Amino acid sequence: MRLVIGSVTCSGALIDEDRVLTAHHCVSARSQQGEMLPRDVAPADVRVELGGEDLPWGEARVRAIVTPTCGHAAGDGDIAILVLDHRLVNTEARAARIDRAPLLKEAISPIGFGRCALSTDALHRRKRAVANIDTISDARFRANASICPGDSGGPVMSDNGEVLGVISAAVMDADERTVGRAEFTRLDRFRALFARAEAVSKGQSLAELPPVDCTR
């Protein structure tokens, strides 16, 4: 999935028929100067483009944005789940691995719609080079990976096709072949967020549910 929020573009992954996983900072409101604000945009301001090639084959609208209490400017809590206004019954979803932590030296594949300044081909989904996790913290993990602007929010895939993280931040230059330090949000740390998104999907209001406080 490719996300368009005003002038901001990010990536995402369908993890259920009506839920898209992405990064929290992608849906943060911006000031007129482009600074991230400690609140989320309205769901109606998010456009989800379907498909991975040069042009999307469809679009979906967002009914609710489920986020933790931090992560508006990346860092801890840089994860969001978008609940769509309808189910995408003919689109393949990827399972989110929330029951097991990432492992040191585990092979991962970041995927996103990003383009670096020297990229020559058209906009489409890119599977980045396989990397290996070398650092794990309470809410994030790190690896040396090739990441471009627009990859933020994209899924980090395990070698068996599960999503175990979200692309959060990276050292980037103009060449997408350059490998640098990249940070990813752990999914298993935010199981409460997935439960909250499932409740919203089933009809509960966000106002009826306790917030997910990622500072605890």
N, C-alpha and C. Protein backbone atom coordinates (compact mmCIF):
# COMPACT_ATOMS: atom_id res chain seq x y z
N MET A 1 0.83 -1.19 0.00
CA MET A 1 0.00 0.00 0.00
C MET A 1 0.88 1.26 0.00
N ARG A 2 0.47 2.26 -0.74
CA ARG A 2 1.13 3.56 -0.70
C ARG A 2 0.15 4.55 -0.09
N LEU A 3 0.64 5.37 0.86
CA LEU A 3 -0.21 6.32 1.55
C LEU A 3 0.12 7.74 1.10
N VAL A 4 -0.91 8.52 0.89
CA VAL A 4 -0.75 9.92 0.53
C VAL A 4 -1.51 10.75 1.56
N ILE A 5 -0.78 11.60 2.28
CA ILE A 5 -1.36 12.46 3.31
C ILE A 5 -0.91 13.88 3.04
N GLY A 6 -1.70 14.63 2.27
CA GLY A 6 -1.27 15.96 1.86
C GLY A 6 -0.04 15.84 0.98
N SER A 7 1.06 16.51 1.37
CA SER A 7 2.30 16.45 0.60
C SER A 7 3.21 15.31 1.05
N VAL A 8 2.76 14.53 2.05
CA VAL A 8 3.56 13.44 2.60
C VAL A 8 3.16 12.12 1.93
N THR A 9 4.15 11.33 1.54
CA THR A 9 3.87 9.99 1.02
C THR A 9 4.64 8.97 1.87
N CYS A 10 4.00 7.86 2.16
CA CYS A 10 4.59 6.79 2.95
C CYS A 10 4.17 5.45 2.36
N SER A 11 4.62 4.40 3.00
CA SER A 11 4.26 3.05 2.59
C SER A 11 3.48 2.37 3.71
N GLY A 12 2.86 1.27 3.40
CA GLY A 12 2.10 0.52 4.40
C GLY A 12 1.88 -0.90 3.94
N ALA A 13 1.29 -1.71 4.80
CA ALA A 13 1.03 -3.12 4.48
C ALA A 13 -0.35 -3.51 4.96
N LEU A 14 -1.09 -4.21 4.12
CA LEU A 14 -2.39 -4.74 4.51
C LEU A 14 -2.17 -5.96 5.41
N ILE A 15 -2.61 -5.87 6.67
CA ILE A 15 -2.41 -6.97 7.62
C ILE A 15 -3.72 -7.67 7.95
N ASP A 16 -4.83 -7.15 7.47
CA ASP A 16 -6.14 -7.80 7.57
C ASP A 16 -7.00 -7.19 6.47
N GLU A 17 -8.20 -7.70 6.29
CA GLU A 17 -9.02 -7.23 5.17
C GLU A 17 -9.31 -5.74 5.23
N ASP A 18 -9.31 -5.16 6.43
CA ASP A 18 -9.64 -3.74 6.55
C ASP A 18 -8.63 -2.98 7.42
N ARG A 19 -7.40 -3.49 7.53
CA ARG A 19 -6.40 -2.82 8.38
C ARG A 19 -5.06 -2.70 7.68
N VAL A 20 -4.51 -1.50 7.72
CA VAL A 20 -3.22 -1.20 7.09
C VAL A 20 -2.24 -0.77 8.16
N LEU A 21 -1.09 -1.39 8.18
CA LEU A 21 -0.03 -1.07 9.12
C LEU A 21 0.91 -0.04 8.50
N THR A 22 1.30 0.98 9.28
CA THR A 22 2.24 1.99 8.79
C THR A 22 2.96 2.61 9.99
N ALA A 23 3.66 3.71 9.75
CA ALA A 23 4.39 4.41 10.82
C ALA A 23 3.55 5.56 11.37
N HIS A 24 3.68 5.80 12.67
CA HIS A 24 2.92 6.88 13.30
C HIS A 24 3.28 8.23 12.71
N HIS A 25 4.57 8.47 12.46
CA HIS A 25 4.96 9.81 11.99
C HIS A 25 4.38 10.11 10.61
N CYS A 26 3.96 9.08 9.88
CA CYS A 26 3.34 9.31 8.56
C CYS A 26 1.99 9.99 8.68
N VAL A 27 1.27 9.74 9.76
CA VAL A 27 -0.07 10.30 9.93
C VAL A 27 -0.10 11.43 10.96
N SER A 28 1.06 11.93 11.34
CA SER A 28 1.11 13.08 12.25
C SER A 28 0.71 14.35 11.51
N ALA A 29 -0.02 15.21 12.18
CA ALA A 29 -0.34 16.52 11.61
C ALA A 29 0.94 17.34 11.49
N ARG A 30 0.98 18.23 10.51
CA ARG A 30 2.13 19.10 10.28
C ARG A 30 1.75 20.56 10.43
N SER A 31 2.71 21.36 10.90
CA SER A 31 2.52 22.80 10.95
C SER A 31 2.71 23.36 9.54
N GLN A 32 2.45 24.66 9.38
CA GLN A 32 2.65 25.27 8.07
C GLN A 32 4.11 25.20 7.63
N GLN A 33 5.02 25.07 8.59
CA GLN A 33 6.44 24.96 8.28
C GLN A 33 6.87 23.51 8.07
N GLY A 34 5.92 22.57 8.16
CA GLY A 34 6.23 21.17 7.94
C GLY A 34 6.68 20.41 9.17
N GLU A 35 6.65 21.05 10.33
CA GLU A 35 7.05 20.37 11.56
C GLU A 35 5.94 19.44 12.03
N MET A 36 6.34 18.27 12.56
CA MET A 36 5.36 17.31 13.06
C MET A 36 4.76 17.79 14.38
N LEU A 37 3.44 17.68 14.49
CA LEU A 37 2.72 18.11 15.68
C LEU A 37 2.29 16.89 16.49
N PRO A 38 2.08 17.05 17.80
CA PRO A 38 1.71 15.90 18.65
C PRO A 38 0.23 15.52 18.54
N ARG A 39 -0.27 15.40 17.33
CA ARG A 39 -1.63 14.94 17.08
C ARG A 39 -1.68 14.33 15.69
N ASP A 40 -2.69 13.53 15.45
CA ASP A 40 -2.82 12.85 14.16
C ASP A 40 -3.72 13.64 13.22
N VAL A 41 -3.55 13.40 11.92
CA VAL A 41 -4.45 14.00 10.94
C VAL A 41 -5.82 13.33 11.04
N ALA A 42 -6.80 13.91 10.41
CA ALA A 42 -8.13 13.29 10.35
C ALA A 42 -8.09 12.10 9.39
N PRO A 43 -8.85 11.04 9.68
CA PRO A 43 -8.87 9.88 8.77
C PRO A 43 -9.19 10.25 7.32
N ALA A 44 -10.05 11.24 7.14
CA ALA A 44 -10.43 11.63 5.78
C ALA A 44 -9.27 12.23 5.00
N ASP A 45 -8.22 12.63 5.70
CA ASP A 45 -7.06 13.23 5.04
C ASP A 45 -6.07 12.21 4.49
N VAL A 46 -6.32 10.93 4.74
CA VAL A 46 -5.41 9.87 4.32
C VAL A 46 -6.00 9.13 3.11
N ARG A 47 -5.20 9.05 2.05
CA ARG A 47 -5.61 8.27 0.88
C ARG A 47 -4.71 7.04 0.77
N VAL A 48 -5.32 5.89 0.67
CA VAL A 48 -4.57 4.63 0.55
C VAL A 48 -4.66 4.16 -0.90
N GLU A 49 -3.50 4.06 -1.55
CA GLU A 49 -3.45 3.58 -2.93
C GLU A 49 -3.14 2.08 -2.92
N LEU A 50 -3.89 1.33 -3.72
CA LEU A 50 -3.76 -0.12 -3.76
C LEU A 50 -2.95 -0.55 -4.97
N GLY A 51 -2.05 -1.49 -4.77
CA GLY A 51 -1.25 -2.01 -5.86
C GLY A 51 0.20 -1.59 -5.74
N GLY A 52 1.08 -2.35 -6.39
CA GLY A 52 2.50 -2.10 -6.22
C GLY A 52 3.23 -1.63 -7.46
N GLU A 53 2.53 -1.45 -8.57
CA GLU A 53 3.21 -1.06 -9.81
C GLU A 53 3.16 0.46 -10.00
N ASP A 54 3.45 0.89 -11.24
CA ASP A 54 3.60 2.32 -11.48
C ASP A 54 2.34 3.11 -11.14
N LEU A 55 1.18 2.54 -11.40
CA LEU A 55 -0.09 3.21 -11.12
C LEU A 55 -0.93 2.32 -10.22
N PRO A 56 -1.62 2.89 -9.22
CA PRO A 56 -2.47 2.06 -8.35
C PRO A 56 -3.69 1.56 -9.11
N TRP A 57 -4.14 0.35 -8.76
CA TRP A 57 -5.34 -0.17 -9.41
C TRP A 57 -6.60 0.23 -8.66
N GLY A 58 -6.46 0.86 -7.50
CA GLY A 58 -7.61 1.30 -6.74
C GLY A 58 -7.20 2.14 -5.55
N GLU A 59 -8.19 2.65 -4.85
CA GLU A 59 -7.95 3.46 -3.66
C GLU A 59 -8.91 3.03 -2.55
N ALA A 60 -8.52 3.31 -1.32
CA ALA A 60 -9.39 3.04 -0.17
C ALA A 60 -9.35 4.22 0.76
N ARG A 61 -10.43 4.42 1.48
CA ARG A 61 -10.52 5.49 2.45
C ARG A 61 -10.38 4.93 3.86
N VAL A 62 -9.98 5.79 4.78
CA VAL A 62 -9.69 5.39 6.15
C VAL A 62 -10.83 5.83 7.06
N ARG A 63 -11.29 4.90 7.91
CA ARG A 63 -12.36 5.21 8.86
C ARG A 63 -11.81 5.65 10.21
N ALA A 64 -10.68 5.08 10.62
CA ALA A 64 -10.11 5.42 11.92
C ALA A 64 -8.60 5.22 11.87
N ILE A 65 -7.88 6.02 12.66
CA ILE A 65 -6.43 5.91 12.79
C ILE A 65 -6.13 5.52 14.23
N VAL A 66 -5.51 4.36 14.41
CA VAL A 66 -5.22 3.84 15.75
C VAL A 66 -3.73 3.97 16.00
N THR A 67 -3.35 4.78 17.00
CA THR A 67 -1.95 5.04 17.28
C THR A 67 -1.71 5.03 18.79
N PRO A 68 -0.46 4.82 19.21
CA PRO A 68 -0.13 4.96 20.64
C PRO A 68 -0.01 6.43 21.01
N THR A 69 0.27 6.70 22.27
CA THR A 69 0.31 8.08 22.76
C THR A 69 1.61 8.79 22.42
N CYS A 70 2.60 8.07 21.89
CA CYS A 70 3.84 8.72 21.46
C CYS A 70 4.17 8.26 20.06
N GLY A 71 5.28 8.74 19.52
CA GLY A 71 5.69 8.35 18.18
C GLY A 71 5.28 9.29 17.09
N HIS A 72 4.72 10.46 17.43
CA HIS A 72 4.32 11.41 16.40
C HIS A 72 5.49 11.87 15.54
N ALA A 73 6.69 11.89 16.12
CA ALA A 73 7.88 12.32 15.38
C ALA A 73 8.87 11.18 15.27
N ALA A 74 8.38 9.96 15.10
CA ALA A 74 9.19 8.73 15.02
C ALA A 74 9.70 8.38 16.42
N GLY A 75 10.76 7.58 16.49
CA GLY A 75 11.21 7.10 17.79
C GLY A 75 10.27 6.03 18.33
N ASP A 76 10.27 5.85 19.66
CA ASP A 76 9.38 4.87 20.27
C ASP A 76 7.92 5.21 19.96
N GLY A 77 7.15 4.22 19.62
CA GLY A 77 5.75 4.44 19.29
C GLY A 77 5.49 4.80 17.85
N ASP A 78 6.48 4.58 16.98
CA ASP A 78 6.31 4.94 15.57
C ASP A 78 5.59 3.82 14.82
N ILE A 79 4.31 3.65 15.16
CA ILE A 79 3.48 2.61 14.56
C ILE A 79 2.04 3.10 14.55
N ALA A 80 1.33 2.78 13.49
CA ALA A 80 -0.08 3.15 13.36
C ALA A 80 -0.81 2.06 12.59
N ILE A 81 -2.08 1.89 12.91
CA ILE A 81 -2.93 0.97 12.17
C ILE A 81 -4.13 1.75 11.65
N LEU A 82 -4.31 1.73 10.35
CA LEU A 82 -5.43 2.42 9.71
C LEU A 82 -6.56 1.43 9.51
N VAL A 83 -7.72 1.76 10.02
CA VAL A 83 -8.91 0.93 9.81
C VAL A 83 -9.66 1.50 8.61
N LEU A 84 -9.79 0.72 7.55
CA LEU A 84 -10.41 1.19 6.32
C LEU A 84 -11.93 1.23 6.44
N ASP A 85 -12.55 1.96 5.52
CA ASP A 85 -14.01 2.09 5.57
C ASP A 85 -14.72 0.90 4.94
N HIS A 86 -13.97 -0.03 4.34
CA HIS A 86 -14.57 -1.26 3.83
C HIS A 86 -13.49 -2.32 3.75
N ARG A 87 -13.90 -3.57 3.64
CA ARG A 87 -12.96 -4.69 3.58
C ARG A 87 -12.50 -4.92 2.15
N LEU A 88 -11.22 -5.23 2.01
CA LEU A 88 -10.64 -5.52 0.70
C LEU A 88 -10.56 -7.05 0.57
N VAL A 89 -11.65 -7.64 0.13
CA VAL A 89 -11.78 -9.10 0.19
C VAL A 89 -10.94 -9.81 -0.86
N ASN A 90 -10.53 -9.14 -1.91
CA ASN A 90 -9.77 -9.80 -2.97
C ASN A 90 -8.31 -9.38 -2.98
N THR A 91 -7.83 -8.85 -1.88
CA THR A 91 -6.45 -8.39 -1.78
C THR A 91 -5.73 -9.18 -0.70
N GLU A 92 -4.55 -9.67 -1.02
CA GLU A 92 -3.80 -10.50 -0.08
C GLU A 92 -3.28 -9.69 1.10
N ALA A 93 -3.54 -10.17 2.30
CA ALA A 93 -3.02 -9.54 3.51
C ALA A 93 -1.84 -10.34 4.03
N ARG A 94 -0.93 -9.66 4.72
CA ARG A 94 0.23 -10.30 5.31
C ARG A 94 0.04 -10.40 6.82
N ALA A 95 0.38 -11.54 7.39
CA ALA A 95 0.22 -11.74 8.82
C ALA A 95 1.25 -10.91 9.59
N ALA A 96 0.77 -10.25 10.65
CA ALA A 96 1.66 -9.49 11.53
C ALA A 96 2.14 -10.40 12.65
N ARG A 97 3.44 -10.45 12.84
CA ARG A 97 4.00 -11.32 13.88
C ARG A 97 4.07 -10.55 15.20
N ILE A 98 3.04 -10.70 16.01
CA ILE A 98 2.97 -9.95 17.27
C ILE A 98 3.21 -10.84 18.48
N ASP A 99 3.37 -12.14 18.27
CA ASP A 99 3.54 -13.06 19.39
C ASP A 99 4.99 -13.42 19.67
N ARG A 100 5.90 -13.01 18.79
CA ARG A 100 7.31 -13.33 18.97
C ARG A 100 8.18 -12.13 18.63
N ALA A 101 9.23 -11.94 19.39
CA ALA A 101 10.14 -10.81 19.20
C ALA A 101 11.06 -11.06 18.01
N PRO A 102 11.57 -10.00 17.40
CA PRO A 102 12.63 -10.19 16.40
C PRO A 102 13.87 -10.77 17.06
N LEU A 103 14.71 -11.41 16.26
CA LEU A 103 15.89 -12.09 16.79
C LEU A 103 17.16 -11.46 16.23
N LEU A 104 18.19 -11.42 17.03
CA LEU A 104 19.49 -10.96 16.54
C LEU A 104 19.93 -11.82 15.37
N LYS A 105 20.44 -11.17 14.35
CA LYS A 105 20.94 -11.78 13.11
C LYS A 105 19.81 -12.33 12.23
N GLU A 106 18.54 -12.14 12.62
CA GLU A 106 17.44 -12.58 11.77
C GLU A 106 17.45 -11.81 10.46
N ALA A 107 17.24 -12.52 9.36
CA ALA A 107 17.21 -11.90 8.04
C ALA A 107 15.87 -11.18 7.82
N ILE A 108 15.93 -9.95 7.34
CA ILE A 108 14.73 -9.15 7.11
C ILE A 108 14.79 -8.52 5.72
N SER A 109 13.61 -8.22 5.18
CA SER A 109 13.50 -7.54 3.89
C SER A 109 12.56 -6.35 4.03
N PRO A 110 13.07 -5.11 4.08
CA PRO A 110 12.19 -3.93 4.08
C PRO A 110 11.55 -3.76 2.70
N ILE A 111 10.30 -3.32 2.68
CA ILE A 111 9.58 -3.09 1.43
C ILE A 111 8.91 -1.73 1.48
N GLY A 112 9.05 -0.95 0.41
CA GLY A 112 8.42 0.37 0.40
C GLY A 112 8.33 0.96 -1.00
N PHE A 113 7.68 2.11 -1.07
CA PHE A 113 7.50 2.82 -2.33
C PHE A 113 8.46 3.99 -2.47
N GLY A 114 9.51 4.03 -1.65
CA GLY A 114 10.41 5.17 -1.65
C GLY A 114 11.25 5.28 -2.90
N ARG A 115 11.69 6.51 -3.18
CA ARG A 115 12.62 6.78 -4.29
C ARG A 115 13.70 7.72 -3.77
N CYS A 116 14.95 7.38 -4.04
CA CYS A 116 16.06 8.27 -3.75
C CYS A 116 16.28 9.22 -4.93
N ALA A 117 17.06 10.25 -4.71
CA ALA A 117 17.23 11.29 -5.74
C ALA A 117 17.81 10.73 -7.04
N LEU A 118 18.65 9.72 -6.94
CA LEU A 118 19.26 9.15 -8.14
C LEU A 118 18.48 7.97 -8.72
N SER A 119 17.33 7.66 -8.16
CA SER A 119 16.52 6.58 -8.72
C SER A 119 16.03 6.97 -10.11
N THR A 120 16.11 6.04 -11.04
CA THR A 120 15.78 6.35 -12.43
C THR A 120 14.46 5.74 -12.89
N ASP A 121 13.98 4.70 -12.22
CA ASP A 121 12.76 4.06 -12.69
C ASP A 121 11.53 4.70 -12.06
N ALA A 122 10.36 4.30 -12.52
CA ALA A 122 9.11 4.90 -12.08
C ALA A 122 8.79 4.46 -10.65
N LEU A 123 7.82 5.14 -10.08
CA LEU A 123 7.38 4.84 -8.72
C LEU A 123 6.68 3.49 -8.66
N HIS A 124 7.22 2.57 -7.87
CA HIS A 124 6.54 1.30 -7.63
C HIS A 124 7.11 0.67 -6.37
N ARG A 125 6.47 -0.37 -5.92
CA ARG A 125 6.90 -1.06 -4.71
C ARG A 125 8.26 -1.71 -4.93
N ARG A 126 9.14 -1.52 -3.94
CA ARG A 126 10.48 -2.09 -4.04
C ARG A 126 10.78 -2.96 -2.82
N LYS A 127 11.28 -4.13 -3.08
CA LYS A 127 11.78 -4.99 -2.01
C LYS A 127 13.26 -4.71 -1.86
N ARG A 128 13.64 -4.12 -0.74
CA ARG A 128 15.03 -3.74 -0.53
C ARG A 128 15.90 -4.98 -0.27
N ALA A 129 17.20 -4.79 -0.35
CA ALA A 129 18.13 -5.89 -0.14
C ALA A 129 17.96 -6.48 1.26
N VAL A 130 18.14 -7.79 1.35
CA VAL A 130 18.03 -8.47 2.63
C VAL A 130 19.10 -7.95 3.59
N ALA A 131 18.69 -7.71 4.83
CA ALA A 131 19.60 -7.24 5.87
C ALA A 131 19.48 -8.18 7.07
N ASN A 132 20.36 -8.00 8.04
CA ASN A 132 20.32 -8.82 9.25
C ASN A 132 20.25 -7.92 10.48
N ILE A 133 19.33 -8.22 11.37
CA ILE A 133 19.16 -7.44 12.60
C ILE A 133 20.43 -7.53 13.44
N ASP A 134 20.95 -6.37 13.86
CA ASP A 134 22.16 -6.39 14.70
C ASP A 134 21.97 -5.77 16.07
N THR A 135 20.83 -5.06 16.28
CA THR A 135 20.56 -4.44 17.57
C THR A 135 19.07 -4.51 17.85
N ILE A 136 18.69 -4.89 19.08
CA ILE A 136 17.29 -4.93 19.48
C ILE A 136 17.14 -4.17 20.79
N SER A 137 16.20 -3.23 20.83
CA SER A 137 15.88 -2.50 22.05
C SER A 137 14.44 -2.80 22.45
N ASP A 138 13.94 -2.10 23.47
CA ASP A 138 12.61 -2.41 23.99
C ASP A 138 11.52 -2.26 22.95
N ALA A 139 11.59 -1.24 22.10
CA ALA A 139 10.51 -0.99 21.16
C ALA A 139 10.95 -0.98 19.70
N ARG A 140 12.27 -1.12 19.46
CA ARG A 140 12.78 -1.02 18.09
C ARG A 140 13.86 -2.06 17.84
N PHE A 141 14.23 -2.19 16.57
CA PHE A 141 15.43 -2.94 16.23
C PHE A 141 16.12 -2.25 15.06
N ARG A 142 17.39 -2.57 14.87
CA ARG A 142 18.20 -1.88 13.87
C ARG A 142 18.90 -2.88 12.95
N ALA A 143 19.24 -2.37 11.77
CA ALA A 143 20.02 -3.15 10.80
C ALA A 143 20.63 -2.16 9.82
N ASN A 144 21.65 -2.60 9.11
CA ASN A 144 22.19 -1.83 8.00
C ASN A 144 21.39 -2.18 6.76
N ALA A 145 20.67 -1.20 6.23
CA ALA A 145 19.75 -1.48 5.13
C ALA A 145 19.73 -0.33 4.15
N SER A 146 19.22 -0.59 2.98
CA SER A 146 19.03 0.43 1.95
C SER A 146 17.61 0.95 2.02
N ILE A 147 17.45 2.23 2.40
CA ILE A 147 16.13 2.84 2.59
C ILE A 147 16.10 4.17 1.85
N CYS A 148 14.96 4.50 1.23
CA CYS A 148 14.80 5.78 0.54
C CYS A 148 13.61 6.55 1.11
N PRO A 149 13.55 7.88 0.91
CA PRO A 149 12.37 8.65 1.32
C PRO A 149 11.11 8.08 0.69
N GLY A 150 10.08 7.91 1.49
CA GLY A 150 8.84 7.30 1.03
C GLY A 150 8.70 5.85 1.46
N ASP A 151 9.80 5.24 1.93
CA ASP A 151 9.73 3.88 2.46
C ASP A 151 9.13 3.84 3.86
N SER A 152 9.14 4.97 4.57
CA SER A 152 8.63 5.01 5.95
C SER A 152 7.24 4.39 6.03
N GLY A 153 7.04 3.58 7.06
CA GLY A 153 5.75 2.92 7.25
C GLY A 153 5.64 1.59 6.55
N GLY A 154 6.58 1.30 5.67
CA GLY A 154 6.54 0.03 4.95
C GLY A 154 6.85 -1.15 5.85
N PRO A 155 6.47 -2.33 5.42
CA PRO A 155 6.66 -3.51 6.26
C PRO A 155 8.10 -4.02 6.22
N VAL A 156 8.51 -4.60 7.33
CA VAL A 156 9.77 -5.34 7.40
C VAL A 156 9.39 -6.82 7.46
N MET A 157 9.76 -7.56 6.43
CA MET A 157 9.31 -8.93 6.29
C MET A 157 10.37 -9.91 6.79
N SER A 158 9.91 -10.98 7.43
CA SER A 158 10.79 -12.07 7.79
C SER A 158 10.97 -12.97 6.57
N ASP A 159 11.85 -13.96 6.68
CA ASP A 159 12.09 -14.81 5.52
C ASP A 159 10.94 -15.77 5.23
N ASN A 160 9.97 -15.88 6.16
CA ASN A 160 8.80 -16.73 5.89
C ASN A 160 7.55 -15.91 5.54
N GLY A 161 7.74 -14.61 5.28
CA GLY A 161 6.64 -13.79 4.78
C GLY A 161 5.80 -13.09 5.82
N GLU A 162 6.19 -13.16 7.11
CA GLU A 162 5.47 -12.44 8.15
C GLU A 162 6.01 -11.01 8.26
N VAL A 163 5.14 -10.11 8.72
CA VAL A 163 5.57 -8.75 9.01
C VAL A 163 5.99 -8.68 10.47
N LEU A 164 7.25 -8.32 10.73
CA LEU A 164 7.70 -8.23 12.11
C LEU A 164 8.11 -6.83 12.53
N GLY A 165 8.02 -5.87 11.59
CA GLY A 165 8.38 -4.51 11.96
C GLY A 165 7.87 -3.51 10.95
N VAL A 166 8.08 -2.22 11.28
CA VAL A 166 7.69 -1.10 10.44
C VAL A 166 8.93 -0.24 10.20
N ILE A 167 9.15 0.18 8.96
CA ILE A 167 10.26 1.07 8.66
C ILE A 167 10.00 2.42 9.33
N SER A 168 10.94 2.85 10.17
CA SER A 168 10.75 4.07 10.95
C SER A 168 11.68 5.20 10.53
N ALA A 169 12.99 4.97 10.52
CA ALA A 169 13.95 6.02 10.21
C ALA A 169 15.22 5.39 9.67
N ALA A 170 16.00 6.18 8.91
CA ALA A 170 17.22 5.63 8.33
C ALA A 170 18.15 6.75 7.91
N VAL A 171 19.43 6.41 7.84
CA VAL A 171 20.43 7.29 7.23
C VAL A 171 20.32 7.10 5.73
N MET A 172 20.01 8.17 4.99
CA MET A 172 19.76 8.06 3.55
C MET A 172 20.63 9.04 2.80
N ASP A 173 21.03 8.65 1.57
CA ASP A 173 21.65 9.61 0.67
C ASP A 173 20.91 9.54 -0.66
N ALA A 174 21.51 10.00 -1.73
CA ALA A 174 20.80 10.10 -3.01
C ALA A 174 20.71 8.79 -3.76
N ASP A 175 21.45 7.78 -3.32
CA ASP A 175 21.54 6.52 -4.07
C ASP A 175 20.87 5.40 -3.29
N GLU A 176 19.90 4.73 -3.88
CA GLU A 176 19.17 3.67 -3.18
C GLU A 176 20.02 2.42 -2.96
N ARG A 177 21.19 2.36 -3.58
CA ARG A 177 22.08 1.22 -3.35
C ARG A 177 22.92 1.39 -2.09
N THR A 178 22.91 2.59 -1.52
CA THR A 178 23.71 2.85 -0.32
C THR A 178 23.08 2.17 0.90
N VAL A 179 23.90 1.49 1.67
CA VAL A 179 23.44 0.82 2.88
C VAL A 179 23.84 1.66 4.08
N GLY A 180 22.90 1.91 4.99
CA GLY A 180 23.17 2.72 6.17
C GLY A 180 22.33 2.24 7.36
N ARG A 181 22.52 2.89 8.49
CA ARG A 181 21.79 2.51 9.69
C ARG A 181 20.31 2.80 9.52
N ALA A 182 19.49 1.83 9.84
CA ALA A 182 18.04 1.97 9.75
C ALA A 182 17.39 1.46 11.02
N GLU A 183 16.30 2.12 11.42
CA GLU A 183 15.56 1.73 12.62
C GLU A 183 14.15 1.28 12.23
N PHE A 184 13.68 0.26 12.93
CA PHE A 184 12.37 -0.32 12.66
C PHE A 184 11.62 -0.51 13.96
N THR A 185 10.31 -0.32 13.93
CA THR A 185 9.46 -0.50 15.11
C THR A 185 9.07 -1.97 15.26
N ARG A 186 9.26 -2.50 16.46
CA ARG A 186 8.85 -3.87 16.76
C ARG A 186 7.32 -3.96 16.84
N LEU A 187 6.74 -4.99 16.26
CA LEU A 187 5.30 -5.19 16.36
C LEU A 187 4.91 -5.86 17.67
N ASP A 188 5.73 -6.79 18.15
CA ASP A 188 5.36 -7.54 19.35
C ASP A 188 5.26 -6.65 20.58
N ARG A 189 5.91 -5.49 20.55
CA ARG A 189 5.85 -4.55 21.67
C ARG A 189 4.49 -3.85 21.75
N PHE A 190 3.71 -3.91 20.67
CA PHE A 190 2.46 -3.13 20.60
C PHE A 190 1.25 -4.03 20.34
N ARG A 191 1.21 -5.16 21.02
CA ARG A 191 0.06 -6.06 20.86
C ARG A 191 -1.25 -5.39 21.27
N ALA A 192 -1.19 -4.51 22.27
CA ALA A 192 -2.40 -3.81 22.70
C ALA A 192 -2.96 -2.92 21.59
N LEU A 193 -2.07 -2.38 20.76
CA LEU A 193 -2.53 -1.54 19.64
C LEU A 193 -3.27 -2.37 18.61
N PHE A 194 -2.80 -3.58 18.35
CA PHE A 194 -3.48 -4.46 17.40
C PHE A 194 -4.86 -4.87 17.93
N ALA A 195 -4.94 -5.10 19.24
CA ALA A 195 -6.24 -5.44 19.85
C ALA A 195 -7.19 -4.25 19.75
N ARG A 196 -6.66 -3.07 19.93
CA ARG A 196 -7.50 -1.85 19.84
C ARG A 196 -8.03 -1.67 18.42
N ALA A 197 -7.16 -1.89 17.43
CA ALA A 197 -7.58 -1.75 16.04
C ALA A 197 -8.63 -2.81 15.67
N GLU A 198 -8.48 -4.01 16.21
CA GLU A 198 -9.48 -5.06 15.94
C GLU A 198 -10.83 -4.68 16.53
N ALA A 199 -10.82 -4.09 17.74
CA ALA A 199 -12.08 -3.66 18.35
C ALA A 199 -12.75 -2.58 17.52
N VAL A 200 -11.96 -1.64 17.00
CA VAL A 200 -12.51 -0.58 16.15
C VAL A 200 -13.07 -1.19 14.87
N SER A 201 -12.38 -2.16 14.32
CA SER A 201 -12.85 -2.83 13.11
C SER A 201 -14.21 -3.48 13.33
N LYS A 202 -14.44 -3.97 14.56
CA LYS A 202 -15.70 -4.65 14.87
C LYS A 202 -16.81 -3.68 15.29
N GLY A 203 -16.50 -2.38 15.28
CA GLY A 203 -17.57 -1.41 15.51
C GLY A 203 -17.44 -0.53 16.73
N GLN A 204 -16.45 -0.79 17.60
CA GLN A 204 -16.29 0.07 18.77
C GLN A 204 -15.68 1.41 18.38
N SER A 205 -16.03 2.42 19.15
CA SER A 205 -15.47 3.75 18.94
C SER A 205 -14.14 3.87 19.66
N LEU A 206 -13.22 4.63 19.07
CA LEU A 206 -11.94 4.87 19.74
C LEU A 206 -12.14 5.50 21.11
N ALA A 207 -13.17 6.32 21.23
CA ALA A 207 -13.43 6.99 22.51
C ALA A 207 -13.82 6.01 23.61
N GLU A 208 -14.29 4.82 23.24
CA GLU A 208 -14.69 3.80 24.21
C GLU A 208 -13.53 2.94 24.68
N LEU A 209 -12.37 3.09 24.07
CA LEU A 209 -11.25 2.20 24.34
C LEU A 209 -10.13 2.95 25.06
N PRO A 210 -9.42 2.29 25.97
CA PRO A 210 -8.30 2.96 26.65
C PRO A 210 -7.17 3.21 25.69
N PRO A 211 -6.43 4.29 25.89
CA PRO A 211 -5.29 4.57 24.99
C PRO A 211 -4.17 3.57 25.21
N VAL A 212 -3.33 3.43 24.19
CA VAL A 212 -2.14 2.59 24.30
C VAL A 212 -0.99 3.51 24.68
N ASP A 213 -0.60 3.45 25.95
CA ASP A 213 0.44 4.34 26.47
C ASP A 213 1.79 3.66 26.29
N CYS A 214 2.55 4.09 25.29
CA CYS A 214 3.82 3.41 25.00
C CYS A 214 4.96 3.90 25.89
N THR A 215 4.68 4.78 26.83
CA THR A 215 5.74 5.25 27.73
C THR A 215 5.90 4.35 28.94
N ARG A 216 4.98 3.41 29.16
CA ARG A 216 5.08 2.52 30.30
C ARG A 216 6.11 1.44 30.09
